[in-house]
Amino acid sequence: MALHLARGENQVIPLQNGGYFEERSSFSLADEAGREFFVPYHHPHQEGVPYGQYFVSLWMRSAYAENDIFEIYDAEGAARLGWIFPLQALRSDHHDQAQNVTFLRFAQAAFYELCNGISNAFVTTPVDQGVDEIDITSFYSEDSIVLILYKRAFADPDLFRLDDYIPCLFKFGYFLQSSSRNPAEIAAFQNPTAYEALDQRLRVAGISEHLKANPFIRAVLVDHLPYERSGLLSFFYLYQLVELLLDRIMQIEQQKFVAIVAERQMNSMELKDAIDSLGKTMSEKARLQILFSHNLDTHVDETDLRRACNEFLRTQPGTLAAGAYVEVNEFWQYLYRVRNALFHNLRGVDPAAIARLPDICLAFKKVISEVLISYKETP
């Protein structure tokens, strides 16, 4: 995907990346007639950078600092995969990595790919002003976050799917850009200050093998949630991801039932027991319990979500007993109660509780991200 320049009312001119031009400390872009434009690059040029050997994508975050530059490692912390950093770190040397040669090589490779054009990003087409210098932010949002991964860090680069890492980076407060939505539209309440402080090294894990290439998960985490300003609708979207998993659990239980019935001739009592066992999984509450007790590979920390949900429930009519609210500790209990209050009795929910929904959603995002990564299915 090439970058473009607009001329006149209807003319859009593609630009070809001509590489680094030392005399201008810039990367050059040329139109079809050979006219050159220069995109200033603010770091020392590094020789021998293997262009074309990187996956580069653009993300966004509702709050960041220029110095938020993090190394990306695999889930075990054994291998460095790349870096994630603000686009502003390419336009300035006022950050901690400005003298780090390893970072500068990745940064230069990222800048080169930006001059080629990034397919997933929100890219604008500036108007030709008759000058030969164009800043990189004329094409991309100045608040963009750059993710660059070295292809050779992966066992089989041909199998790499950027979408696999959306839930994990979502957990850290990073949202993949959409080519059709301006990053400036990101909802302010998605402020990641509620997340724990990020380490200099971020360990990333891919989505569960059972959930790969699911278009609904991508739609929620990329097209809807980052821009949603309503705490109520944000909760709705997040809970839809839970229901997606509950549907899968229901299908698994049905398959188990069919297999048991087909395996051998059963007497009436055995058949009744099998039907009763299936019936117990019909309720949403039961499947929530199954999800957290049987279908996760690793422990998911739900402390913040439990606290936020209990604070919400504390304000609801009918939850007080003898003047004191009794907290519930199990995920399937407190989340299901919040869900019921919002989906079935919104008219009776205290306005003060509605105001707490952004806090619930911030904690919910972390939990659902970890659930999408560690979800497993057992026969």
Protein backbone atom coordinates (compact mmCIF):
# COMPACT_ATOMS: atom_id res chain seq x y z
CA MET A 1 0.00 0.00 0.00
CA ALA A 2 1.61 3.25 -1.16
CA LEU A 3 1.25 6.67 0.42
CA HIS A 4 -0.53 9.28 -1.68
CA LEU A 5 -0.57 13.02 -2.25
CA ALA A 6 -3.60 15.02 -3.36
CA ARG A 7 -3.40 17.57 -6.17
CA GLY A 8 -6.33 19.67 -7.27
CA GLU A 9 -9.84 18.49 -6.56
CA ASN A 10 -9.74 14.94 -7.89
CA GLN A 11 -6.11 13.94 -8.50
CA VAL A 12 -4.46 11.50 -6.06
CA ILE A 13 -0.81 10.72 -6.76
CA PRO A 14 0.91 7.54 -5.45
CA LEU A 15 4.34 8.03 -3.88
CA GLN A 16 7.23 5.60 -4.22
CA ASN A 17 9.65 5.05 -1.34
CA GLY A 18 13.16 5.92 -2.51
CA GLY A 19 14.97 5.02 0.72
CA TYR A 20 17.25 7.12 2.88
CA PHE A 21 18.69 10.35 1.44
CA GLU A 22 21.71 11.27 3.56
CA GLU A 23 22.10 14.88 2.42
CA ARG A 24 18.65 15.70 3.80
CA SER A 25 18.65 13.26 6.75
CA SER A 26 15.36 12.10 5.32
CA PHE A 27 13.63 9.30 3.50
CA SER A 28 12.62 10.25 -0.02
CA LEU A 29 9.27 9.76 -1.73
CA ALA A 30 8.80 10.31 -5.44
CA ASP A 31 5.71 10.79 -7.57
CA GLU A 32 5.18 9.26 -11.01
CA ALA A 33 6.97 12.18 -12.68
CA GLY A 34 10.05 11.73 -10.51
CA ARG A 35 9.48 14.76 -8.30
CA GLU A 36 10.96 14.07 -4.88
CA PHE A 37 9.58 14.76 -1.42
CA PHE A 38 11.60 14.33 1.75
CA VAL A 39 10.33 12.95 5.05
CA PRO A 40 12.69 14.05 7.87
CA TYR A 41 14.16 11.26 10.01
CA HIS A 42 15.47 12.46 13.36
CA HIS A 43 17.85 9.64 14.31
CA PRO A 44 21.31 8.67 13.02
CA HIS A 45 21.13 6.44 9.97
CA GLN A 46 22.02 2.79 10.69
CA GLU A 47 23.77 0.77 7.99
CA GLY A 48 22.65 -2.73 7.04
CA VAL A 49 19.12 -2.65 8.42
CA PRO A 50 17.30 -5.59 6.73
CA TYR A 51 14.25 -3.80 5.34
CA GLY A 52 11.38 -6.12 4.53
CA GLN A 53 12.17 -8.42 7.46
CA TYR A 54 9.70 -6.87 9.90
CA PHE A 55 5.98 -6.85 10.65
CA VAL A 56 4.94 -3.24 11.27
CA SER A 57 1.51 -2.13 12.44
CA LEU A 58 -0.02 0.96 14.03
CA TRP A 59 -1.92 1.01 17.29
CA MET A 60 -3.35 3.63 19.63
CA ARG A 61 -3.60 4.32 23.35
CA SER A 62 -5.71 6.94 25.08
CA ALA A 63 -2.77 8.17 27.18
CA TYR A 64 0.95 7.75 26.65
CA ALA A 65 4.32 9.47 27.06
CA GLU A 66 7.03 9.81 24.41
CA ASN A 67 9.24 7.67 26.65
CA ASP A 68 6.75 4.77 26.69
CA ILE A 69 9.11 2.60 24.65
CA PHE A 70 8.92 -1.10 25.48
CA GLU A 71 10.62 -4.23 24.25
CA ILE A 72 8.27 -6.99 23.17
CA TYR A 73 9.14 -10.51 24.36
CA ASP A 74 7.46 -13.85 23.97
CA ALA A 75 5.21 -15.19 26.73
CA GLU A 76 8.11 -16.94 28.49
CA GLY A 77 10.34 -13.88 28.34
CA ALA A 78 13.00 -15.89 26.52
CA ALA A 79 13.09 -14.20 23.11
CA ARG A 80 12.80 -10.58 22.05
CA LEU A 81 10.27 -10.19 19.26
CA GLY A 82 10.47 -6.43 18.70
CA TRP A 83 9.47 -3.05 20.16
CA ILE A 84 6.39 -0.93 20.72
CA PHE A 85 6.69 2.85 20.96
CA PRO A 86 4.92 6.13 20.13
CA LEU A 87 5.31 7.51 16.63
CA GLN A 88 6.64 10.64 18.34
CA ALA A 89 9.75 8.66 19.35
CA LEU A 90 10.68 8.62 15.64
CA ARG A 91 10.42 12.39 15.41
CA SER A 92 12.50 13.22 18.46
CA ASP A 93 15.58 12.10 20.38
CA HIS A 94 14.24 13.25 23.76
CA HIS A 95 13.73 9.75 25.13
CA ASP A 96 15.74 7.06 26.89
CA GLN A 97 16.35 4.91 23.81
CA ALA A 98 17.80 7.64 21.58
CA GLN A 99 21.32 6.18 21.93
CA ASN A 100 20.32 2.51 21.94
CA VAL A 101 21.61 1.08 18.65
CA THR A 102 19.33 -1.96 18.86
CA PHE A 103 16.28 0.25 19.19
CA LEU A 104 17.51 2.60 16.45
CA ARG A 105 17.76 -0.26 13.96
CA PHE A 106 14.17 -1.28 14.68
CA ALA A 107 13.07 2.37 14.60
CA GLN A 108 14.66 2.93 11.19
CA ALA A 109 13.05 -0.22 9.79
CA ALA A 110 9.68 0.99 11.12
CA PHE A 111 10.12 4.42 9.54
CA TYR A 112 10.98 2.81 6.21
CA GLU A 113 7.79 0.74 6.31
CA LEU A 114 5.76 3.79 7.28
CA CYS A 115 7.05 5.47 4.12
CA ASN A 116 5.86 2.44 2.16
CA GLY A 117 2.38 2.70 3.70
CA ILE A 118 0.77 0.62 6.47
CA SER A 119 -2.32 -1.30 5.40
CA ASN A 120 -4.08 -1.59 8.78
CA ALA A 121 -3.62 2.06 9.73
CA PHE A 122 -5.76 5.16 9.41
CA VAL A 123 -3.83 6.91 6.64
CA THR A 124 -4.55 10.42 5.40
CA THR A 125 -3.73 11.95 2.02
CA PRO A 126 -2.17 15.41 2.43
CA VAL A 127 -2.58 18.11 -0.19
CA ASP A 128 0.50 19.00 -2.24
CA GLN A 129 1.60 22.38 -0.88
CA GLY A 130 4.33 22.87 -3.46
CA VAL A 131 7.15 22.21 -0.98
CA ASP A 132 9.53 19.27 -1.00
CA GLU A 133 9.37 18.34 2.71
CA ILE A 134 6.51 16.38 4.29
CA ASP A 135 6.37 15.26 7.91
CA ILE A 136 5.41 11.64 8.60
CA THR A 137 2.45 12.92 10.65
CA SER A 138 0.96 14.32 7.45
CA PHE A 139 0.10 10.70 6.63
CA TYR A 140 -0.46 9.16 10.09
CA SER A 141 -1.98 10.35 13.34
CA GLU A 142 0.70 11.93 15.52
CA ASP A 143 -0.68 9.86 18.41
CA SER A 144 -0.07 6.55 16.64
CA ILE A 145 1.76 3.76 18.44
CA VAL A 146 4.20 1.70 16.36
CA LEU A 147 4.54 -2.06 16.85
CA ILE A 148 7.48 -3.63 15.00
CA LEU A 149 8.26 -7.35 15.18
CA TYR A 150 11.26 -9.12 13.62
CA LYS A 151 10.06 -11.87 11.30
CA ARG A 152 12.97 -14.18 12.10
CA ALA A 153 12.00 -14.14 15.78
CA PHE A 154 9.07 -16.39 14.84
CA ALA A 155 9.49 -20.10 14.10
CA ASP A 156 7.42 -19.76 10.93
CA PRO A 157 6.84 -16.14 9.85
CA ASP A 158 4.41 -17.33 7.17
CA LEU A 159 2.02 -18.42 9.92
CA PHE A 160 2.18 -15.08 11.76
CA ARG A 161 -1.20 -13.42 12.29
CA LEU A 162 -1.29 -9.95 13.82
CA ASP A 163 -4.85 -10.56 15.01
CA ASP A 164 -3.59 -13.29 17.35
CA TYR A 165 -1.95 -10.62 19.53
CA ILE A 166 -4.86 -8.19 19.68
CA PRO A 167 -6.24 -9.50 23.04
CA CYS A 168 -2.85 -9.43 24.77
CA LEU A 169 -1.97 -5.90 23.70
CA PHE A 170 -5.56 -4.88 24.46
CA LYS A 171 -4.83 -5.95 28.04
CA PHE A 172 -1.95 -3.47 28.16
CA GLY A 173 -4.15 -0.66 26.89
CA TYR A 174 -3.15 -0.81 23.21
CA PHE A 175 -5.82 -0.89 20.50
CA LEU A 176 -5.13 -1.83 16.89
CA GLN A 177 -5.91 1.00 14.52
CA SER A 178 -8.74 0.65 12.04
CA SER A 179 -8.26 1.95 8.51
CA SER A 180 -11.74 3.46 8.66
CA ARG A 181 -11.67 5.20 12.08
CA ASN A 182 -9.57 8.18 13.09
CA PRO A 183 -7.49 7.39 16.22
CA ALA A 184 -8.54 10.78 17.56
CA GLU A 185 -11.97 9.24 18.16
CA ILE A 186 -10.66 6.88 20.86
CA ALA A 187 -12.82 7.20 23.99
CA ALA A 188 -11.18 9.16 26.79
CA PHE A 189 -12.44 6.83 29.51
CA GLN A 190 -10.33 4.02 28.04
CA ASN A 191 -7.51 5.70 29.99
CA PRO A 192 -4.95 2.98 30.77
CA THR A 193 -3.80 4.64 34.01
CA ALA A 194 -6.11 2.11 35.65
CA TYR A 195 -3.80 -0.62 34.35
CA GLU A 196 -0.75 -1.65 36.32
CA ALA A 197 2.48 0.16 35.41
CA LEU A 198 4.00 -1.47 32.36
CA ASP A 199 7.43 -3.06 32.65
CA GLN A 200 10.13 -2.14 30.16
CA ARG A 201 9.59 -5.59 28.69
CA LEU A 202 6.10 -6.62 27.68
CA ARG A 203 5.48 -10.34 27.40
CA VAL A 204 2.92 -11.13 24.75
CA ALA A 205 0.98 -14.32 24.13
CA GLY A 206 -1.29 -15.21 21.25
CA ILE A 207 -5.00 -15.87 21.48
CA SER A 208 -6.21 -19.40 22.27
CA GLU A 209 -5.87 -21.85 19.39
CA HIS A 210 -9.63 -22.45 19.64
CA LEU A 211 -10.46 -18.79 19.02
CA LYS A 212 -8.13 -17.85 16.18
CA ALA A 213 -9.53 -16.03 13.14
CA ASN A 214 -12.80 -15.25 14.91
CA PRO A 215 -14.19 -12.14 13.19
CA PHE A 216 -16.50 -11.23 16.07
CA ILE A 217 -13.63 -11.01 18.58
CA ARG A 218 -11.73 -8.76 16.21
CA ALA A 219 -14.80 -6.58 15.60
CA VAL A 220 -15.35 -6.03 19.32
CA LEU A 221 -11.71 -5.32 20.22
CA VAL A 222 -10.82 -3.26 17.14
CA ASP A 223 -13.96 -1.70 15.67
CA HIS A 224 -16.17 -1.04 18.69
CA LEU A 225 -14.69 -0.97 22.19
CA PRO A 226 -11.82 1.51 21.63
CA TYR A 227 -14.28 4.18 20.48
CA GLU A 228 -17.18 3.42 22.80
CA ARG A 229 -17.87 6.23 25.27
CA SER A 230 -20.73 4.55 27.09
CA GLY A 231 -19.86 2.37 30.07
CA LEU A 232 -23.12 0.49 29.57
CA LEU A 233 -22.44 -0.38 25.93
CA SER A 234 -18.81 -1.21 26.73
CA PHE A 235 -20.02 -3.75 29.30
CA PHE A 236 -22.44 -5.14 26.71
CA TYR A 237 -19.67 -5.67 24.17
CA LEU A 238 -17.38 -7.30 26.73
CA TYR A 239 -20.10 -9.62 27.95
CA GLN A 240 -20.80 -10.65 24.36
CA LEU A 241 -17.28 -12.12 24.31
CA VAL A 242 -18.14 -14.11 27.44
CA GLU A 243 -21.33 -15.35 25.79
CA LEU A 244 -19.32 -16.40 22.75
CA LEU A 245 -17.32 -18.73 25.01
CA LEU A 246 -20.45 -19.92 26.83
CA ASP A 247 -21.96 -20.91 23.48
CA ARG A 248 -18.85 -22.95 22.71
CA ILE A 249 -19.10 -24.67 26.09
CA MET A 250 -22.74 -25.52 25.40
CA GLN A 251 -21.75 -27.07 22.06
CA ILE A 252 -19.04 -29.15 23.76
CA GLU A 253 -21.48 -30.43 26.38
CA GLN A 254 -23.98 -31.34 23.67
CA GLN A 255 -21.28 -33.26 21.79
CA LYS A 256 -20.38 -35.13 24.99
CA PHE A 257 -24.03 -36.05 25.50
CA VAL A 258 -24.41 -37.33 21.93
CA ALA A 259 -21.22 -39.36 22.25
CA ILE A 260 -22.37 -40.97 25.53
CA VAL A 261 -25.80 -41.87 24.13
CA ALA A 262 -24.31 -43.27 20.91
CA GLU A 263 -21.61 -45.23 22.70
CA ARG A 264 -23.85 -47.91 24.19
CA GLN A 265 -27.40 -48.90 25.01
CA MET A 266 -28.47 -47.18 28.24
CA ASN A 267 -31.19 -48.10 30.69
CA SER A 268 -33.76 -45.51 31.69
CA MET A 269 -31.90 -44.37 34.84
CA GLU A 270 -28.60 -43.93 33.01
CA LEU A 271 -30.32 -41.98 30.25
CA LYS A 272 -32.07 -39.79 32.81
CA ASP A 273 -28.74 -39.06 34.53
CA ALA A 274 -27.16 -38.12 31.20
CA ILE A 275 -30.07 -35.81 30.38
CA ASP A 276 -29.92 -34.24 33.85
CA SER A 277 -26.17 -33.67 33.45
CA LEU A 278 -26.75 -31.88 30.14
CA GLY A 279 -29.62 -29.91 31.63
CA LYS A 280 -27.35 -28.51 34.34
CA THR A 281 -25.20 -26.86 31.69
CA MET A 282 -28.15 -25.16 30.03
CA SER A 283 -28.15 -22.25 32.46
CA GLU A 284 -25.81 -19.35 31.74
CA LYS A 285 -24.73 -19.21 35.38
CA ALA A 286 -23.65 -22.86 35.30
CA ARG A 287 -21.63 -22.36 32.12
CA LEU A 288 -19.94 -19.30 33.65
CA GLN A 289 -18.87 -21.55 36.50
CA ILE A 290 -17.63 -24.20 34.04
CA LEU A 291 -15.68 -21.57 32.08
CA PHE A 292 -13.65 -20.45 35.08
CA SER A 293 -13.26 -23.86 36.70
CA HIS A 294 -12.52 -26.08 33.66
CA ASN A 295 -11.83 -24.08 30.52
CA LEU A 296 -8.86 -21.87 31.39
CA ASP A 297 -5.22 -22.95 31.10
CA THR A 298 -3.91 -20.52 33.70
CA HIS A 299 -5.23 -18.61 36.70
CA VAL A 300 -6.86 -15.33 35.73
CA ASP A 301 -6.52 -12.51 38.25
CA GLU A 302 -9.99 -11.08 38.72
CA THR A 303 -9.30 -9.06 41.89
CA ASP A 304 -10.03 -5.63 40.38
CA LEU A 305 -13.15 -6.86 38.58
CA ARG A 306 -14.48 -8.51 41.76
CA ARG A 307 -13.98 -5.27 43.71
CA ALA A 308 -15.60 -3.08 41.02
CA CYS A 309 -18.59 -5.40 40.59
CA ASN A 310 -19.22 -5.64 44.32
CA GLU A 311 -19.12 -1.86 44.61
CA PHE A 312 -21.73 -1.72 41.86
CA LEU A 313 -23.93 -4.39 43.47
CA ARG A 314 -23.69 -2.71 46.86
CA THR A 315 -25.85 0.15 45.57
CA GLN A 316 -28.61 -2.02 44.09
CA PRO A 317 -32.07 -2.29 45.69
CA GLY A 318 -32.65 -5.66 47.30
CA THR A 319 -28.97 -6.43 47.93
CA LEU A 320 -28.94 -5.22 51.52
CA ALA A 321 -29.54 -7.66 54.32
CA ALA A 322 -29.71 -6.45 57.90
CA GLY A 323 -28.14 -3.17 56.77
CA ALA A 324 -24.98 -4.77 55.35
CA TYR A 325 -24.10 -6.00 51.88
CA VAL A 326 -22.50 -9.43 51.72
CA GLU A 327 -19.82 -9.53 49.03
CA VAL A 328 -19.72 -12.36 46.50
CA ASN A 329 -16.32 -13.70 45.48
CA GLU A 330 -16.88 -16.06 42.57
CA PHE A 331 -16.67 -14.70 39.02
CA TRP A 332 -19.82 -16.47 37.93
CA GLN A 333 -21.72 -14.95 40.88
CA TYR A 334 -20.79 -11.28 40.81
CA LEU A 335 -20.49 -10.87 37.03
CA TYR A 336 -23.80 -12.66 36.45
CA ARG A 337 -25.53 -10.39 38.98
CA VAL A 338 -24.19 -7.26 37.29
CA ARG A 339 -25.22 -8.65 33.93
CA ASN A 340 -28.76 -9.34 35.16
CA ALA A 341 -29.10 -5.90 36.69
CA LEU A 342 -28.09 -4.20 33.45
CA PHE A 343 -29.80 -6.48 30.95
CA HIS A 344 -33.06 -7.13 32.82
CA ASN A 345 -33.56 -4.26 35.27
CA LEU A 346 -31.70 -1.24 33.91
CA ARG A 347 -34.67 0.94 34.82
CA GLY A 348 -34.07 0.09 38.47
CA VAL A 349 -30.29 0.55 38.55
CA ASP A 350 -29.07 3.40 40.72
CA PRO A 351 -27.52 6.23 38.61
CA ALA A 352 -24.51 6.17 40.94
CA ALA A 353 -23.96 2.55 39.94
CA ILE A 354 -24.10 3.43 36.23
CA ALA A 355 -21.33 5.93 36.88
CA ARG A 356 -19.17 3.04 38.15
CA LEU A 357 -19.43 1.09 34.89
CA PRO A 358 -16.22 2.53 33.38
CA ASP A 359 -14.29 1.12 36.37
CA ILE A 360 -15.94 -2.26 35.88
CA CYS A 361 -15.14 -2.19 32.16
CA LEU A 362 -11.46 -1.35 32.68
CA ALA A 363 -11.10 -4.34 34.98
CA PHE A 364 -13.32 -6.48 32.73
CA LYS A 365 -11.03 -5.77 29.76
CA LYS A 366 -8.02 -7.18 31.56
CA VAL A 367 -9.93 -10.29 32.58
CA ILE A 368 -11.49 -10.95 29.18
CA SER A 369 -8.10 -10.50 27.48
CA GLU A 370 -6.55 -13.16 29.71
CA VAL A 371 -9.55 -15.42 29.23
CA LEU A 372 -9.25 -15.19 25.43
CA ILE A 373 -5.58 -16.15 25.70
CA SER A 374 -5.89 -19.02 28.17
CA TYR A 375 -9.22 -20.51 27.01
CA LYS A 376 -9.04 -24.26 26.36
CA GLU A 377 -11.44 -26.98 25.32
CA THR A 378 -11.38 -30.51 26.67
CA PRO A 379 -13.19 -33.41 25.01
